[in-house]
Amino acid sequence: MLTASAISSIEWLFEKSIRYNSVFSPTDRCVVTSLSDKAPAVDDDNHLVLINISSYAFRIVALFSFNNDAATAAHFSRKSHNSEKTLCDQLLLDTYSELVNMICGAVNQGLRNEFRHVALSTPFVLASSCVQYISMLNFAMTKSINVIINESVNFDVIVGVCVDNNNIFDFHIDRAEQQNISCGEIELF
């Protein structure tokens, strides 16, 4: 069972990281909106990227759905530092995967203050039809987030949390302390 404090902390970590990692210039505007607990509709041509954040106490599944349109591709091609205005399909998927990795890496880093053993999977791309099976994971919590950048770029995130039903999963992120932590840096081992 997830407490309200745990849900609020997870939502805050994702929203903070999305805002930080989705914009590439000071003039970019990023609006993050929490949607209902139901998964957003996914078109057949959307690009889906999934990543897991896991510990002994929980598993967070984050599924990112990127629109397959010119505005989204153009915005994220700026992230790739590629000289081409548009990216080929594989480079675009790699760019989306890196963005997902940066966002979830920052969430993972924020969770490490509360949990010693937290691991992040590598992002992987799924067929858009896979979203219809997400309910089979029996999440204790599901949150859908819509992200709009510069009023033209749009993507959705589904965050699902799995916990042991026999335990109470409770923690609180100190938001004042977390403000000073940089987001999504690569860690070397």
N, C-alpha and C. Protein backbone atom coordinates (compact mmCIF):
# COMPACT_ATOMS: atom_id res chain seq x y z
N MET A 1 0.83 -1.18 0.00
CA MET A 1 0.00 0.00 0.00
C MET A 1 0.88 1.25 0.00
N LEU A 2 0.57 2.17 -0.88
CA LEU A 2 1.28 3.44 -1.00
C LEU A 2 0.58 4.51 -0.18
N THR A 3 1.36 5.31 0.55
CA THR A 3 0.78 6.41 1.30
C THR A 3 0.69 7.65 0.41
N ALA A 4 -0.08 8.62 0.83
CA ALA A 4 -0.22 9.87 0.10
C ALA A 4 1.13 10.59 0.00
N SER A 5 1.93 10.51 1.05
CA SER A 5 3.25 11.14 1.04
C SER A 5 4.16 10.52 -0.02
N ALA A 6 4.13 9.20 -0.13
CA ALA A 6 4.95 8.52 -1.14
C ALA A 6 4.49 8.89 -2.55
N ILE A 7 3.19 8.91 -2.77
CA ILE A 7 2.66 9.28 -4.09
C ILE A 7 3.05 10.71 -4.45
N SER A 8 2.88 11.62 -3.51
CA SER A 8 3.24 13.02 -3.74
C SER A 8 4.73 13.18 -4.04
N SER A 9 5.56 12.45 -3.33
CA SER A 9 7.02 12.53 -3.53
C SER A 9 7.42 12.02 -4.91
N ILE A 10 6.84 10.90 -5.33
CA ILE A 10 7.15 10.34 -6.65
C ILE A 10 6.69 11.31 -7.75
N GLU A 11 5.47 11.82 -7.63
CA GLU A 11 4.96 12.77 -8.62
C GLU A 11 5.85 14.00 -8.71
N TRP A 12 6.26 14.54 -7.56
CA TRP A 12 7.09 15.74 -7.55
C TRP A 12 8.45 15.49 -8.21
N LEU A 13 9.06 14.35 -7.93
CA LEU A 13 10.36 14.03 -8.54
C LEU A 13 10.25 13.96 -10.06
N PHE A 14 9.19 13.32 -10.56
CA PHE A 14 9.01 13.22 -12.01
C PHE A 14 8.75 14.58 -12.63
N GLU A 15 7.85 15.36 -12.04
CA GLU A 15 7.53 16.66 -12.60
C GLU A 15 8.74 17.59 -12.62
N LYS A 16 9.52 17.59 -11.55
CA LYS A 16 10.73 18.42 -11.47
C LYS A 16 11.73 18.00 -12.56
N SER A 17 11.95 16.72 -12.70
CA SER A 17 12.92 16.23 -13.66
C SER A 17 12.47 16.47 -15.10
N ILE A 18 11.18 16.30 -15.37
CA ILE A 18 10.66 16.56 -16.72
C ILE A 18 10.89 18.02 -17.08
N ARG A 19 10.55 18.93 -16.18
CA ARG A 19 10.73 20.37 -16.46
C ARG A 19 12.21 20.70 -16.72
N TYR A 20 13.09 20.11 -15.95
CA TYR A 20 14.52 20.41 -16.06
C TYR A 20 15.13 19.84 -17.35
N ASN A 21 14.77 18.63 -17.71
CA ASN A 21 15.44 17.92 -18.80
C ASN A 21 14.78 18.07 -20.17
N SER A 22 13.57 18.63 -20.25
CA SER A 22 12.85 18.70 -21.52
C SER A 22 13.04 20.01 -22.28
N VAL A 23 13.67 20.97 -21.66
CA VAL A 23 13.90 22.25 -22.33
C VAL A 23 15.39 22.43 -22.58
N PHE A 24 15.70 23.13 -23.67
CA PHE A 24 17.09 23.23 -24.09
C PHE A 24 17.59 24.66 -24.21
N SER A 25 16.70 25.63 -24.00
CA SER A 25 17.13 27.03 -24.01
C SER A 25 16.29 27.78 -22.97
N PRO A 26 16.79 28.92 -22.51
CA PRO A 26 16.06 29.69 -21.50
C PRO A 26 14.68 30.16 -21.96
N THR A 27 14.47 30.24 -23.27
CA THR A 27 13.18 30.70 -23.78
C THR A 27 12.15 29.59 -23.90
N ASP A 28 12.56 28.34 -23.77
CA ASP A 28 11.62 27.21 -23.84
C ASP A 28 10.67 27.25 -22.64
N ARG A 29 9.40 26.96 -22.90
CA ARG A 29 8.40 26.87 -21.84
C ARG A 29 7.90 25.44 -21.76
N CYS A 30 7.88 24.90 -20.56
CA CYS A 30 7.44 23.51 -20.34
C CYS A 30 6.28 23.51 -19.35
N VAL A 31 5.13 23.00 -19.80
CA VAL A 31 3.95 22.90 -18.94
C VAL A 31 3.70 21.42 -18.67
N VAL A 32 3.73 21.05 -17.40
CA VAL A 32 3.52 19.67 -16.97
C VAL A 32 2.16 19.61 -16.28
N THR A 33 1.28 18.74 -16.78
CA THR A 33 -0.07 18.63 -16.24
C THR A 33 -0.34 17.19 -15.83
N SER A 34 -0.79 17.01 -14.60
CA SER A 34 -1.19 15.68 -14.15
C SER A 34 -2.58 15.39 -14.70
N LEU A 35 -2.73 14.23 -15.30
CA LEU A 35 -4.01 13.82 -15.86
C LEU A 35 -4.68 12.85 -14.89
N SER A 36 -5.76 12.29 -15.32
CA SER A 36 -6.44 11.29 -14.50
C SER A 36 -5.54 10.07 -14.35
N ASP A 37 -5.94 9.13 -13.53
CA ASP A 37 -5.15 7.93 -13.31
C ASP A 37 -5.23 6.96 -14.49
N LYS A 38 -6.06 7.26 -15.47
CA LYS A 38 -6.17 6.39 -16.64
C LYS A 38 -5.06 6.73 -17.63
N ALA A 39 -4.63 5.72 -18.37
CA ALA A 39 -3.57 5.92 -19.36
C ALA A 39 -4.09 6.79 -20.50
N PRO A 40 -3.26 7.72 -21.01
CA PRO A 40 -3.69 8.54 -22.14
C PRO A 40 -3.79 7.70 -23.41
N ALA A 41 -4.55 8.19 -24.35
CA ALA A 41 -4.67 7.49 -25.63
C ALA A 41 -3.34 7.59 -26.37
N VAL A 42 -2.97 6.49 -27.01
CA VAL A 42 -1.70 6.45 -27.76
C VAL A 42 -2.03 6.11 -29.20
N ASP A 43 -1.59 6.95 -30.13
CA ASP A 43 -1.79 6.69 -31.55
C ASP A 43 -0.87 5.56 -32.00
N ASP A 44 -1.25 4.94 -33.10
CA ASP A 44 -0.46 3.82 -33.62
C ASP A 44 0.95 4.21 -34.03
N ASP A 45 1.15 5.47 -34.37
CA ASP A 45 2.49 5.88 -34.82
C ASP A 45 3.30 6.58 -33.73
N ASN A 46 2.81 6.61 -32.49
CA ASN A 46 3.59 7.18 -31.38
C ASN A 46 4.82 6.32 -31.10
N HIS A 47 5.85 6.95 -30.58
CA HIS A 47 7.05 6.24 -30.17
C HIS A 47 6.97 6.02 -28.66
N LEU A 48 7.04 4.77 -28.22
CA LEU A 48 6.99 4.44 -26.79
C LEU A 48 8.38 4.05 -26.31
N VAL A 49 8.77 4.64 -25.17
CA VAL A 49 10.04 4.30 -24.54
C VAL A 49 9.74 4.00 -23.07
N LEU A 50 10.20 2.84 -22.59
CA LEU A 50 9.93 2.40 -21.23
C LEU A 50 11.23 2.24 -20.45
N ILE A 51 11.17 2.56 -19.15
CA ILE A 51 12.32 2.39 -18.28
C ILE A 51 11.81 2.00 -16.89
N ASN A 52 12.60 1.24 -16.15
CA ASN A 52 12.24 0.82 -14.79
C ASN A 52 13.20 1.41 -13.78
N ILE A 53 12.65 1.80 -12.63
CA ILE A 53 13.45 2.19 -11.47
C ILE A 53 13.04 1.21 -10.38
N SER A 54 14.00 0.46 -9.85
CA SER A 54 13.65 -0.61 -8.92
C SER A 54 14.48 -0.58 -7.65
N SER A 55 13.86 -1.08 -6.61
CA SER A 55 14.50 -1.27 -5.32
C SER A 55 13.92 -2.54 -4.73
N TYR A 56 14.39 -2.91 -3.55
CA TYR A 56 13.80 -4.06 -2.87
C TYR A 56 12.36 -3.78 -2.47
N ALA A 57 12.03 -2.51 -2.25
CA ALA A 57 10.72 -2.14 -1.73
C ALA A 57 9.70 -1.78 -2.80
N PHE A 58 10.14 -1.48 -4.04
CA PHE A 58 9.21 -1.01 -5.06
C PHE A 58 9.80 -1.19 -6.45
N ARG A 59 8.93 -1.00 -7.44
CA ARG A 59 9.35 -0.89 -8.84
C ARG A 59 8.51 0.21 -9.47
N ILE A 60 9.17 1.15 -10.09
CA ILE A 60 8.49 2.21 -10.83
C ILE A 60 8.70 1.93 -12.31
N VAL A 61 7.61 1.90 -13.06
CA VAL A 61 7.64 1.74 -14.50
C VAL A 61 7.24 3.08 -15.10
N ALA A 62 8.09 3.66 -15.92
CA ALA A 62 7.79 4.92 -16.59
C ALA A 62 7.72 4.67 -18.09
N LEU A 63 6.56 4.95 -18.66
CA LEU A 63 6.32 4.75 -20.09
C LEU A 63 6.10 6.11 -20.73
N PHE A 64 6.98 6.49 -21.63
CA PHE A 64 6.92 7.78 -22.32
C PHE A 64 6.36 7.55 -23.71
N SER A 65 5.40 8.37 -24.11
CA SER A 65 4.77 8.29 -25.42
C SER A 65 5.01 9.61 -26.16
N PHE A 66 5.85 9.55 -27.20
CA PHE A 66 6.21 10.74 -27.98
C PHE A 66 5.38 10.77 -29.25
N ASN A 67 4.76 11.93 -29.51
CA ASN A 67 4.00 12.11 -30.75
C ASN A 67 4.95 12.01 -31.94
N ASN A 68 4.45 11.45 -33.01
CA ASN A 68 5.24 11.33 -34.23
C ASN A 68 4.87 12.50 -35.14
N ASP A 69 5.32 13.69 -34.77
CA ASP A 69 5.05 14.87 -35.58
C ASP A 69 6.32 15.68 -35.76
N ALA A 70 6.28 16.60 -36.70
CA ALA A 70 7.48 17.38 -37.05
C ALA A 70 7.94 18.27 -35.90
N ALA A 71 7.01 18.86 -35.15
CA ALA A 71 7.40 19.76 -34.06
C ALA A 71 8.15 19.01 -32.95
N THR A 72 7.66 17.83 -32.60
CA THR A 72 8.31 17.04 -31.56
C THR A 72 9.70 16.60 -32.02
N ALA A 73 9.78 16.11 -33.24
CA ALA A 73 11.07 15.67 -33.78
C ALA A 73 12.06 16.83 -33.86
N ALA A 74 11.60 18.00 -34.29
CA ALA A 74 12.49 19.15 -34.41
C ALA A 74 12.99 19.61 -33.04
N HIS A 75 12.11 19.63 -32.04
CA HIS A 75 12.53 20.07 -30.71
C HIS A 75 13.60 19.13 -30.15
N PHE A 76 13.38 17.83 -30.26
CA PHE A 76 14.33 16.90 -29.66
C PHE A 76 15.56 16.68 -30.53
N SER A 77 15.51 17.06 -31.80
CA SER A 77 16.74 17.01 -32.61
C SER A 77 17.73 18.06 -32.11
N ARG A 78 17.22 19.15 -31.49
CA ARG A 78 18.12 20.14 -30.87
C ARG A 78 18.89 19.51 -29.72
N LYS A 79 18.27 18.59 -29.01
CA LYS A 79 18.90 17.91 -27.88
C LYS A 79 20.08 17.05 -28.35
N SER A 80 19.96 16.51 -29.54
CA SER A 80 20.99 15.58 -30.03
C SER A 80 22.25 16.29 -30.49
N HIS A 81 22.21 17.61 -30.62
CA HIS A 81 23.34 18.39 -31.12
C HIS A 81 23.76 17.93 -32.52
N ASN A 82 22.80 17.41 -33.26
CA ASN A 82 23.05 16.96 -34.62
C ASN A 82 22.89 18.17 -35.54
N SER A 83 23.73 18.26 -36.54
CA SER A 83 23.68 19.41 -37.45
C SER A 83 22.46 19.35 -38.38
N GLU A 84 21.88 18.16 -38.55
CA GLU A 84 20.70 18.04 -39.40
C GLU A 84 19.49 18.60 -38.67
N LYS A 85 18.57 19.19 -39.44
CA LYS A 85 17.35 19.74 -38.84
C LYS A 85 16.42 18.62 -38.39
N THR A 86 16.41 17.51 -39.10
CA THR A 86 15.57 16.38 -38.71
C THR A 86 16.45 15.15 -38.56
N LEU A 87 16.03 14.25 -37.72
CA LEU A 87 16.81 13.04 -37.45
C LEU A 87 16.16 11.85 -38.14
N CYS A 88 16.98 10.90 -38.55
CA CYS A 88 16.42 9.66 -39.08
C CYS A 88 15.75 8.92 -37.93
N ASP A 89 14.96 7.92 -38.24
CA ASP A 89 14.17 7.22 -37.22
C ASP A 89 15.01 6.70 -36.05
N GLN A 90 16.12 6.05 -36.33
CA GLN A 90 16.93 5.48 -35.25
C GLN A 90 17.56 6.56 -34.38
N LEU A 91 18.07 7.62 -34.99
CA LEU A 91 18.64 8.72 -34.20
C LEU A 91 17.58 9.39 -33.35
N LEU A 92 16.36 9.51 -33.87
CA LEU A 92 15.28 10.11 -33.10
C LEU A 92 14.91 9.22 -31.91
N LEU A 93 14.82 7.91 -32.14
CA LEU A 93 14.54 6.99 -31.04
C LEU A 93 15.66 7.02 -30.00
N ASP A 94 16.90 7.11 -30.45
CA ASP A 94 18.03 7.22 -29.52
C ASP A 94 17.94 8.51 -28.70
N THR A 95 17.52 9.60 -29.33
CA THR A 95 17.37 10.87 -28.64
C THR A 95 16.25 10.78 -27.60
N TYR A 96 15.13 10.18 -27.97
CA TYR A 96 14.04 9.98 -27.01
C TYR A 96 14.50 9.11 -25.84
N SER A 97 15.23 8.05 -26.15
CA SER A 97 15.72 7.16 -25.10
C SER A 97 16.67 7.88 -24.15
N GLU A 98 17.51 8.74 -24.68
CA GLU A 98 18.43 9.49 -23.83
C GLU A 98 17.68 10.48 -22.94
N LEU A 99 16.65 11.12 -23.49
CA LEU A 99 15.83 12.02 -22.68
C LEU A 99 15.17 11.25 -21.54
N VAL A 100 14.59 10.10 -21.84
CA VAL A 100 13.96 9.26 -20.82
C VAL A 100 14.99 8.87 -19.76
N ASN A 101 16.18 8.52 -20.20
CA ASN A 101 17.26 8.15 -19.28
C ASN A 101 17.63 9.31 -18.36
N MET A 102 17.70 10.52 -18.90
CA MET A 102 18.04 11.69 -18.10
C MET A 102 16.94 12.00 -17.08
N ILE A 103 15.68 11.96 -17.52
CA ILE A 103 14.56 12.24 -16.61
C ILE A 103 14.52 11.22 -15.49
N CYS A 104 14.56 9.95 -15.84
CA CYS A 104 14.46 8.90 -14.82
C CYS A 104 15.74 8.77 -14.00
N GLY A 105 16.88 9.13 -14.58
CA GLY A 105 18.12 9.16 -13.81
C GLY A 105 18.05 10.17 -12.67
N ALA A 106 17.44 11.31 -12.93
CA ALA A 106 17.28 12.32 -11.88
C ALA A 106 16.30 11.84 -10.81
N VAL A 107 15.22 11.16 -11.24
CA VAL A 107 14.27 10.60 -10.27
C VAL A 107 14.98 9.55 -9.42
N ASN A 108 15.75 8.69 -10.06
CA ASN A 108 16.52 7.66 -9.37
C ASN A 108 17.46 8.28 -8.33
N GLN A 109 18.14 9.35 -8.73
CA GLN A 109 19.06 10.03 -7.82
C GLN A 109 18.30 10.62 -6.63
N GLY A 110 17.13 11.19 -6.88
CA GLY A 110 16.32 11.73 -5.79
C GLY A 110 15.84 10.66 -4.82
N LEU A 111 15.56 9.47 -5.34
CA LEU A 111 15.11 8.37 -4.48
C LEU A 111 16.24 7.80 -3.64
N ARG A 112 17.47 7.97 -4.08
CA ARG A 112 18.61 7.40 -3.34
C ARG A 112 18.79 8.01 -1.96
N ASN A 113 18.27 9.18 -1.73
CA ASN A 113 18.35 9.76 -0.39
C ASN A 113 17.47 8.99 0.59
N GLU A 114 16.45 8.32 0.08
CA GLU A 114 15.52 7.58 0.93
C GLU A 114 15.78 6.07 0.91
N PHE A 115 16.32 5.57 -0.19
CA PHE A 115 16.52 4.13 -0.36
C PHE A 115 17.96 3.87 -0.82
N ARG A 116 18.62 3.00 -0.11
CA ARG A 116 20.03 2.73 -0.44
C ARG A 116 20.20 2.05 -1.78
N HIS A 117 19.37 1.08 -2.04
CA HIS A 117 19.54 0.26 -3.24
C HIS A 117 18.45 0.58 -4.25
N VAL A 118 18.77 1.46 -5.19
CA VAL A 118 17.85 1.83 -6.26
C VAL A 118 18.61 1.67 -7.57
N ALA A 119 17.99 0.99 -8.52
CA ALA A 119 18.65 0.74 -9.80
C ALA A 119 17.76 1.23 -10.94
N LEU A 120 18.40 1.59 -12.02
CA LEU A 120 17.73 2.12 -13.21
C LEU A 120 18.04 1.21 -14.38
N SER A 121 17.01 0.76 -15.09
CA SER A 121 17.23 -0.07 -16.27
C SER A 121 17.66 0.81 -17.44
N THR A 122 18.03 0.20 -18.52
CA THR A 122 18.25 0.96 -19.74
C THR A 122 16.89 1.18 -20.40
N PRO A 123 16.71 2.28 -21.10
CA PRO A 123 15.43 2.50 -21.78
C PRO A 123 15.29 1.56 -22.96
N PHE A 124 14.06 1.14 -23.23
CA PHE A 124 13.85 0.34 -24.42
C PHE A 124 12.57 0.77 -25.11
N VAL A 125 12.58 0.62 -26.44
CA VAL A 125 11.49 1.08 -27.29
C VAL A 125 10.50 -0.05 -27.48
N LEU A 126 9.21 0.30 -27.37
CA LEU A 126 8.13 -0.67 -27.54
C LEU A 126 7.24 -0.27 -28.71
N ALA A 127 6.52 -1.24 -29.25
CA ALA A 127 5.49 -0.94 -30.24
C ALA A 127 4.36 -0.21 -29.54
N SER A 128 3.72 0.73 -30.23
CA SER A 128 2.68 1.53 -29.60
C SER A 128 1.50 0.69 -29.11
N SER A 129 1.29 -0.46 -29.67
CA SER A 129 0.18 -1.33 -29.24
C SER A 129 0.40 -1.90 -27.83
N CYS A 130 1.62 -1.85 -27.33
CA CYS A 130 1.92 -2.40 -25.99
C CYS A 130 1.23 -1.64 -24.86
N VAL A 131 0.85 -0.39 -25.10
CA VAL A 131 0.26 0.41 -24.03
C VAL A 131 -1.06 -0.21 -23.54
N GLN A 132 -1.74 -0.95 -24.37
CA GLN A 132 -3.01 -1.55 -23.96
C GLN A 132 -2.83 -2.63 -22.89
N TYR A 133 -1.62 -3.10 -22.68
CA TYR A 133 -1.37 -4.15 -21.70
C TYR A 133 -0.82 -3.62 -20.37
N ILE A 134 -0.70 -2.33 -20.25
CA ILE A 134 -0.07 -1.77 -19.05
C ILE A 134 -0.86 -2.09 -17.79
N SER A 135 -2.15 -2.24 -17.89
CA SER A 135 -2.96 -2.54 -16.70
C SER A 135 -2.67 -3.93 -16.14
N MET A 136 -2.07 -4.80 -16.94
CA MET A 136 -1.74 -6.14 -16.49
C MET A 136 -0.63 -6.14 -15.43
N LEU A 137 0.06 -5.01 -15.27
CA LEU A 137 1.13 -4.93 -14.28
C LEU A 137 0.61 -4.71 -12.87
N ASN A 138 -0.70 -4.48 -12.72
CA ASN A 138 -1.35 -4.33 -11.41
C ASN A 138 -0.63 -3.33 -10.52
N PHE A 139 -0.51 -2.11 -11.00
CA PHE A 139 0.14 -1.06 -10.24
C PHE A 139 -0.65 -0.70 -8.99
N ALA A 140 0.06 -0.36 -7.93
CA ALA A 140 -0.58 0.18 -6.74
C ALA A 140 -0.96 1.64 -6.98
N MET A 141 -0.26 2.29 -7.89
CA MET A 141 -0.53 3.67 -8.26
C MET A 141 -0.20 3.86 -9.73
N THR A 142 -1.06 4.57 -10.44
CA THR A 142 -0.78 4.95 -11.82
C THR A 142 -1.04 6.43 -11.95
N LYS A 143 -0.11 7.13 -12.56
CA LYS A 143 -0.27 8.56 -12.79
C LYS A 143 0.08 8.86 -14.23
N SER A 144 -0.79 9.60 -14.89
CA SER A 144 -0.52 10.04 -16.26
C SER A 144 -0.16 11.52 -16.24
N ILE A 145 0.86 11.85 -17.00
CA ILE A 145 1.37 13.22 -17.05
C ILE A 145 1.43 13.64 -18.52
N ASN A 146 0.93 14.84 -18.79
CA ASN A 146 1.04 15.40 -20.14
C ASN A 146 2.06 16.53 -20.09
N VAL A 147 2.94 16.57 -21.09
CA VAL A 147 3.98 17.58 -21.17
C VAL A 147 3.82 18.34 -22.48
N ILE A 148 3.75 19.66 -22.38
CA ILE A 148 3.68 20.51 -23.57
C ILE A 148 4.84 21.50 -23.49
N ILE A 149 5.64 21.52 -24.55
CA ILE A 149 6.80 22.41 -24.61
C ILE A 149 6.57 23.41 -25.74
N ASN A 150 6.68 24.68 -25.41
CA ASN A 150 6.52 25.77 -26.39
C ASN A 150 5.21 25.68 -27.16
N GLU A 151 4.19 25.17 -26.53
CA GLU A 151 2.84 25.07 -27.08
C GLU A 151 2.73 24.24 -28.36
N SER A 152 3.80 23.53 -28.74
CA SER A 152 3.74 22.75 -29.97
C SER A 152 4.26 21.32 -29.81
N VAL A 153 5.12 21.10 -28.84
CA VAL A 153 5.70 19.77 -28.62
C VAL A 153 4.91 19.12 -27.49
N ASN A 154 4.49 17.88 -27.71
CA ASN A 154 3.63 17.22 -26.75
C ASN A 154 4.07 15.77 -26.57
N PHE A 155 4.22 15.35 -25.29
CA PHE A 155 4.41 13.92 -25.01
C PHE A 155 3.76 13.59 -23.68
N ASP A 156 3.48 12.31 -23.50
CA ASP A 156 2.81 11.83 -22.29
C ASP A 156 3.72 10.86 -21.55
N VAL A 157 3.52 10.79 -20.24
CA VAL A 157 4.26 9.85 -19.40
C VAL A 157 3.26 9.13 -18.52
N ILE A 158 3.37 7.83 -18.47
CA ILE A 158 2.59 7.02 -17.53
C ILE A 158 3.58 6.50 -16.50
N VAL A 159 3.32 6.82 -15.24
CA VAL A 159 4.16 6.37 -14.15
C VAL A 159 3.35 5.37 -13.33
N GLY A 160 3.84 4.16 -13.23
CA GLY A 160 3.18 3.14 -12.44
C GLY A 160 4.12 2.63 -11.35
N VAL A 161 3.58 2.40 -10.16
CA VAL A 161 4.39 1.94 -9.04
C VAL A 161 3.85 0.60 -8.56
N CYS A 162 4.74 -0.37 -8.45
CA CYS A 162 4.41 -1.69 -7.90
C CYS A 162 5.05 -1.81 -6.53
N VAL A 163 4.26 -2.23 -5.55
CA VAL A 163 4.77 -2.47 -4.20
C VAL A 163 4.14 -3.75 -3.67
N ASP A 164 4.75 -4.28 -2.63
CA ASP A 164 4.21 -5.45 -1.95
C ASP A 164 2.94 -5.04 -1.21
N ASN A 165 1.82 -5.70 -1.50
CA ASN A 165 0.55 -5.35 -0.89
C ASN A 165 0.52 -5.58 0.62
N ASN A 166 1.44 -6.37 1.14
CA ASN A 166 1.46 -6.66 2.56
C ASN A 166 2.19 -5.62 3.39
N ASN A 167 2.86 -4.68 2.73
CA ASN A 167 3.64 -3.66 3.44
C ASN A 167 3.11 -2.27 3.12
N ILE A 168 3.32 -1.36 4.04
CA ILE A 168 3.00 0.04 3.80
C ILE A 168 4.25 0.71 3.24
N PHE A 169 4.12 1.32 2.08
CA PHE A 169 5.23 1.98 1.41
C PHE A 169 5.09 3.48 1.64
N ASP A 170 5.94 4.02 2.52
CA ASP A 170 5.83 5.41 2.92
C ASP A 170 7.21 6.04 2.95
N PHE A 171 7.33 7.22 2.36
CA PHE A 171 8.54 8.03 2.47
C PHE A 171 8.17 9.45 2.10
N HIS A 172 9.07 10.36 2.43
CA HIS A 172 8.85 11.78 2.15
C HIS A 172 10.14 12.37 1.60
N ILE A 173 10.04 13.03 0.46
CA ILE A 173 11.18 13.71 -0.13
C ILE A 173 11.23 15.14 0.42
N ASP A 174 12.38 15.52 0.96
CA ASP A 174 12.58 16.88 1.42
C ASP A 174 12.84 17.75 0.19
N ARG A 175 11.82 18.47 -0.23
CA ARG A 175 11.90 19.23 -1.48
C ARG A 175 12.90 20.37 -1.42
N ALA A 176 13.08 20.96 -0.27
CA ALA A 176 14.07 22.04 -0.14
C ALA A 176 15.48 21.49 -0.35
N GLU A 177 15.77 20.32 0.19
CA GLU A 177 17.09 19.70 0.02
C GLU A 177 17.28 19.24 -1.42
N GLN A 178 16.23 18.74 -2.06
CA GLN A 178 16.32 18.23 -3.42
C GLN A 178 16.54 19.33 -4.45
N GLN A 179 16.18 20.57 -4.13
CA GLN A 179 16.35 21.67 -5.08
C GLN A 179 17.81 21.85 -5.47
N ASN A 180 18.72 21.51 -4.58
CA ASN A 180 20.14 21.73 -4.84
C ASN A 180 20.81 20.58 -5.58
N ILE A 181 20.09 19.49 -5.82
CA ILE A 181 20.67 18.34 -6.50
C ILE A 181 20.52 18.53 -8.00
N SER A 182 21.60 18.36 -8.74
CA SER A 182 21.53 18.46 -10.19
C SER A 182 20.78 17.26 -10.74
N CYS A 183 20.24 17.40 -11.91
CA CYS A 183 19.37 16.37 -12.47
C CYS A 183 20.08 15.54 -13.52
N GLY A 184 19.87 14.24 -13.46
CA GLY A 184 20.20 13.33 -14.52
C GLY A 184 21.66 13.19 -14.91
N GLU A 185 22.57 13.39 -14.01
CA GLU A 185 23.97 13.24 -14.37
C GLU A 185 24.34 11.77 -14.48
N ILE A 186 25.25 11.48 -15.37
CA ILE A 186 25.72 10.11 -15.53
C ILE A 186 26.64 9.77 -14.36
N GLU A 187 26.42 8.59 -13.80
CA GLU A 187 27.25 8.15 -12.68
C GLU A 187 28.22 7.10 -13.20
N LEU A 188 29.47 7.22 -12.82
CA LEU A 188 30.48 6.26 -13.22
C LEU A 188 30.80 5.35 -12.03
N PHE A 189 30.97 4.09 -12.31
CA PHE A 189 31.25 3.12 -11.25
C PHE A 189 32.64 2.59 -11.39
